Amino acid sequence: QVRLVESGGGSVQPGGSLRLSCTAPAAVFAQFDMNWYRQAPGKERELVATSARFTEEAQYADSVKGRFIISRDNAKFTVHLQMGSLKPEDTAVYYCNARLVHTWVQEYWGEGTLVTVSS
């Protein structure tokens, strides 16, 4: 069974920073796109950031561009999400996702980590 292990959530004041981390099995980390999603209370899950496999090209939701950075630590099979200038509307459960598109979609999810932005 494939496990994605997340860490780094917590509470922070508006304007603060947090870094989320997600460790995957080596084969998954190397061959899959690695993504961060979030789900706020009462809202649908949304894609926040993507790190493409091989190229590590990053893409971001408009709502986090310029504030969040996704990166890979290839030696530790870990993807990070550095979050800065946090806003109350960033409050959500953040999920790590690994996805590989064949003619079908193969993907794995972490259990989620809560980020709360509040004064």
C-alpha atoms as a PDB file:
ATOM      1  CA  GLN A   1       0.000   0.000   0.000  1.00  0.00           C
ATOM      2  CA  VAL A   2       1.384   3.387  -0.983  1.00  0.00           C
ATOM      3  CA  ARG A   3       1.572   5.954   1.792  1.00  0.00           C
ATOM      4  CA  LEU A   4       2.169   9.664   1.460  1.00  0.00           C
ATOM      5  CA  VAL A   5       3.230  11.088   4.804  1.00  0.00           C
ATOM      6  CA  GLU A   6       2.509  14.767   5.396  1.00  0.00           C
ATOM      7  CA  SER A   7       3.802  17.071   8.106  1.00  0.00           C
ATOM      8  CA  GLY A   8       4.069  20.750   8.940  1.00  0.00           C
ATOM      9  CA  GLY A   9       0.534  21.936   9.469  1.00  0.00           C
ATOM     10  CA  GLY A  10      -0.481  24.132  12.374  1.00  0.00           C
ATOM     11  CA  SER A  11      -1.780  27.518  13.391  1.00  0.00           C
ATOM     12  CA  VAL A  12      -0.303  30.816  12.291  1.00  0.00           C
ATOM     13  CA  GLN A  13      -1.280  34.464  12.322  1.00  0.00           C
ATOM     14  CA  PRO A  14      -2.153  36.317   9.124  1.00  0.00           C
ATOM     15  CA  GLY A  15       0.988  37.291   7.281  1.00  0.00           C
ATOM     16  CA  GLY A  16       2.915  34.372   8.710  1.00  0.00           C
ATOM     17  CA  SER A  17       4.569  31.398   7.048  1.00  0.00           C
ATOM     18  CA  LEU A  18       4.428  27.619   7.221  1.00  0.00           C
ATOM     19  CA  ARG A  19       6.116  24.829   5.349  1.00  0.00           C
ATOM     20  CA  LEU A  20       4.341  21.604   4.566  1.00  0.00           C
ATOM     21  CA  SER A  21       6.214  18.448   3.668  1.00  0.00           C
ATOM     22  CA  CYS A  22       5.142  15.202   2.040  1.00  0.00           C
ATOM     23  CA  THR A  23       7.327  12.103   1.778  1.00  0.00           C
ATOM     24  CA  ALA A  24       6.518   9.457  -0.791  1.00  0.00           C
ATOM     25  CA  PRO A  25       7.976   6.080  -1.727  1.00  0.00           C
ATOM     26  CA  ALA A  26      10.960   6.568  -3.998  1.00  0.00           C
ATOM     27  CA  ALA A  27       9.366   5.080  -7.101  1.00  0.00           C
ATOM     28  CA  VAL A  28       6.253   7.204  -6.720  1.00  0.00           C
ATOM     29  CA  PHE A  29       8.212  10.377  -6.066  1.00  0.00           C
ATOM     30  CA  ALA A  30      10.348   9.895  -9.158  1.00  0.00           C
ATOM     31  CA  GLN A  31       7.647   8.933 -11.617  1.00  0.00           C
ATOM     32  CA  PHE A  32       4.580  10.879 -10.509  1.00  0.00           C
ATOM     33  CA  ASP A  33       3.534  14.491 -10.601  1.00  0.00           C
ATOM     34  CA  MET A  34       3.404  15.697  -7.007  1.00  0.00           C
ATOM     35  CA  ASN A  35       0.591  18.024  -6.033  1.00  0.00           C
ATOM     36  CA  TRP A  36      -0.826  19.877  -3.082  1.00  0.00           C
ATOM     37  CA  TYR A  37      -4.585  20.272  -2.734  1.00  0.00           C
ATOM     38  CA  ARG A  38      -6.610  21.937  -0.032  1.00  0.00           C
ATOM     39  CA  GLN A  39     -10.159  21.767   1.204  1.00  0.00           C
ATOM     40  CA  ALA A  40     -11.685  24.509   3.281  1.00  0.00           C
ATOM     41  CA  PRO A  41     -14.794  23.909   5.404  1.00  0.00           C
ATOM     42  CA  GLY A  42     -17.870  23.735   3.211  1.00  0.00           C
ATOM     43  CA  LYS A  43     -15.868  23.975   0.002  1.00  0.00           C
ATOM     44  CA  GLU A  44     -14.668  21.581  -2.648  1.00  0.00           C
ATOM     45  CA  ARG A  45     -11.109  20.338  -2.733  1.00  0.00           C
ATOM     46  CA  GLU A  46      -8.952  22.541  -4.945  1.00  0.00           C
ATOM     47  CA  LEU A  47      -5.554  22.146  -6.558  1.00  0.00           C
ATOM     48  CA  VAL A  48      -3.036  24.543  -5.033  1.00  0.00           C
ATOM     49  CA  ALA A  49       0.308  23.651  -6.589  1.00  0.00           C
ATOM     50  CA  THR A  50       1.898  21.069  -8.874  1.00  0.00           C
ATOM     51  CA  SER A  51       5.467  19.880  -9.351  1.00  0.00           C
ATOM     52  CA  ALA A  52       5.771  17.984 -12.615  1.00  0.00           C
ATOM     53  CA  ARG A  53       7.747  14.763 -12.694  1.00  0.00           C
ATOM     54  CA  PHE A  54      11.170  14.899 -14.352  1.00  0.00           C
ATOM     55  CA  THR A  55      11.056  18.646 -15.177  1.00  0.00           C
ATOM     56  CA  GLU A  56       9.870  19.781 -11.730  1.00  0.00           C
ATOM     57  CA  GLU A  57       7.949  22.529 -13.505  1.00  0.00           C
ATOM     58  CA  ALA A  58       5.744  24.262 -10.969  1.00  0.00           C
ATOM     59  CA  GLN A  59       2.230  25.532 -11.448  1.00  0.00           C
ATOM     60  CA  TYR A  60       0.037  27.357  -8.977  1.00  0.00           C
ATOM     61  CA  ALA A  61      -3.555  28.312  -8.396  1.00  0.00           C
ATOM     62  CA  ASP A  62      -4.097  32.024  -8.966  1.00  0.00           C
ATOM     63  CA  SER A  63      -5.057  32.443  -5.320  1.00  0.00           C
ATOM     64  CA  VAL A  64      -1.559  31.458  -4.116  1.00  0.00           C
ATOM     65  CA  LYS A  65       0.727  32.709  -6.888  1.00  0.00           C
ATOM     66  CA  GLY A  66       3.555  34.789  -5.493  1.00  0.00           C
ATOM     67  CA  ARG A  67       2.959  33.491  -1.969  1.00  0.00           C
ATOM     68  CA  PHE A  68       3.461  29.726  -2.141  1.00  0.00           C
ATOM     69  CA  ILE A  69       6.386  27.753  -3.522  1.00  0.00           C
ATOM     70  CA  ILE A  70       6.386  24.036  -4.273  1.00  0.00           C
ATOM     71  CA  SER A  71       9.713  22.261  -4.414  1.00  0.00           C
ATOM     72  CA  ARG A  72      11.201  18.769  -4.412  1.00  0.00           C
ATOM     73  CA  ASP A  73      13.978  17.347  -2.292  1.00  0.00           C
ATOM     74  CA  ASN A  74      15.064  14.488  -4.524  1.00  0.00           C
ATOM     75  CA  ALA A  75      17.440  13.029  -1.963  1.00  0.00           C
ATOM     76  CA  LYS A  76      14.635  12.632   0.577  1.00  0.00           C
ATOM     77  CA  PHE A  77      11.740  11.853  -1.807  1.00  0.00           C
ATOM     78  CA  THR A  78       9.927  14.784  -0.270  1.00  0.00           C
ATOM     79  CA  VAL A  79       7.887  17.594  -1.759  1.00  0.00           C
ATOM     80  CA  HIS A  80       7.527  20.823   0.173  1.00  0.00           C
ATOM     81  CA  LEU A  81       4.987  23.595   0.048  1.00  0.00           C
ATOM     82  CA  GLN A  82       6.417  26.815   1.436  1.00  0.00           C
ATOM     83  CA  MET A  83       3.522  29.100   2.273  1.00  0.00           C
ATOM     84  CA  GLY A  84       4.030  32.788   2.948  1.00  0.00           C
ATOM     85  CA  SER A  85       1.907  35.893   3.486  1.00  0.00           C
ATOM     86  CA  LEU A  86      -0.793  33.593   4.773  1.00  0.00           C
ATOM     87  CA  LYS A  87      -4.376  34.795   4.841  1.00  0.00           C
ATOM     88  CA  PRO A  88      -7.392  33.571   6.793  1.00  0.00           C
ATOM     89  CA  GLU A  89      -8.814  32.240   3.533  1.00  0.00           C
ATOM     90  CA  ASP A  90      -5.839  29.878   3.298  1.00  0.00           C
ATOM     91  CA  THR A  91      -7.283  27.979   6.251  1.00  0.00           C
ATOM     92  CA  ALA A  92      -7.941  24.429   5.082  1.00  0.00           C
ATOM     93  CA  VAL A  93      -6.871  20.839   5.289  1.00  0.00           C
ATOM     94  CA  TYR A  94      -3.961  20.438   2.890  1.00  0.00           C
ATOM     95  CA  TYR A  95      -3.522  17.142   1.082  1.00  0.00           C
ATOM     96  CA  CYS A  96      -0.510  15.752  -0.714  1.00  0.00           C
ATOM     97  CA  ASN A  97      -1.306  13.959  -3.957  1.00  0.00           C
ATOM     98  CA  ALA A  98       0.778  11.904  -6.362  1.00  0.00           C
ATOM     99  CA  ARG A  99      -0.679  11.451  -9.841  1.00  0.00           C
ATOM    100  CA  LEU A 100       0.374   9.626 -12.985  1.00  0.00           C
ATOM    101  CA  VAL A 101      -1.802   9.767 -16.065  1.00  0.00           C
ATOM    102  CA  HIS A 102      -1.768   6.735 -18.302  1.00  0.00           C
ATOM    103  CA  THR A 103      -4.869   6.048 -20.320  1.00  0.00           C
ATOM    104  CA  TRP A 104      -6.237   6.000 -16.788  1.00  0.00           C
ATOM    105  CA  VAL A 105      -5.300   8.017 -13.725  1.00  0.00           C
ATOM    106  CA  GLN A 106      -3.197   6.426 -11.021  1.00  0.00           C
ATOM    107  CA  GLU A 107      -3.032   8.494  -7.884  1.00  0.00           C
ATOM    108  CA  TYR A 108      -2.390   8.392  -4.161  1.00  0.00           C
ATOM    109  CA  TRP A 109      -3.389  10.726  -1.360  1.00  0.00           C
ATOM    110  CA  GLY A 110      -2.025  11.689   1.995  1.00  0.00           C
ATOM    111  CA  GLU A 111      -4.271  11.902   5.025  1.00  0.00           C
ATOM    112  CA  GLY A 112      -4.178  15.687   5.150  1.00  0.00           C
ATOM    113  CA  THR A 113      -2.747  18.270   7.504  1.00  0.00           C
ATOM    114  CA  LEU A 114      -4.687  21.201   8.945  1.00  0.00           C
ATOM    115  CA  VAL A 115      -3.505  24.758   8.405  1.00  0.00           C
ATOM    116  CA  THR A 116      -5.284  27.450  10.390  1.00  0.00           C
ATOM    117  CA  VAL A 117      -4.634  31.140   9.739  1.00  0.00           C
ATOM    118  CA  SER A 118      -6.180  33.299  12.421  1.00  0.00           C
ATOM    119  CA  SER A 119      -5.397  36.221  14.658  1.00  0.00           C
END
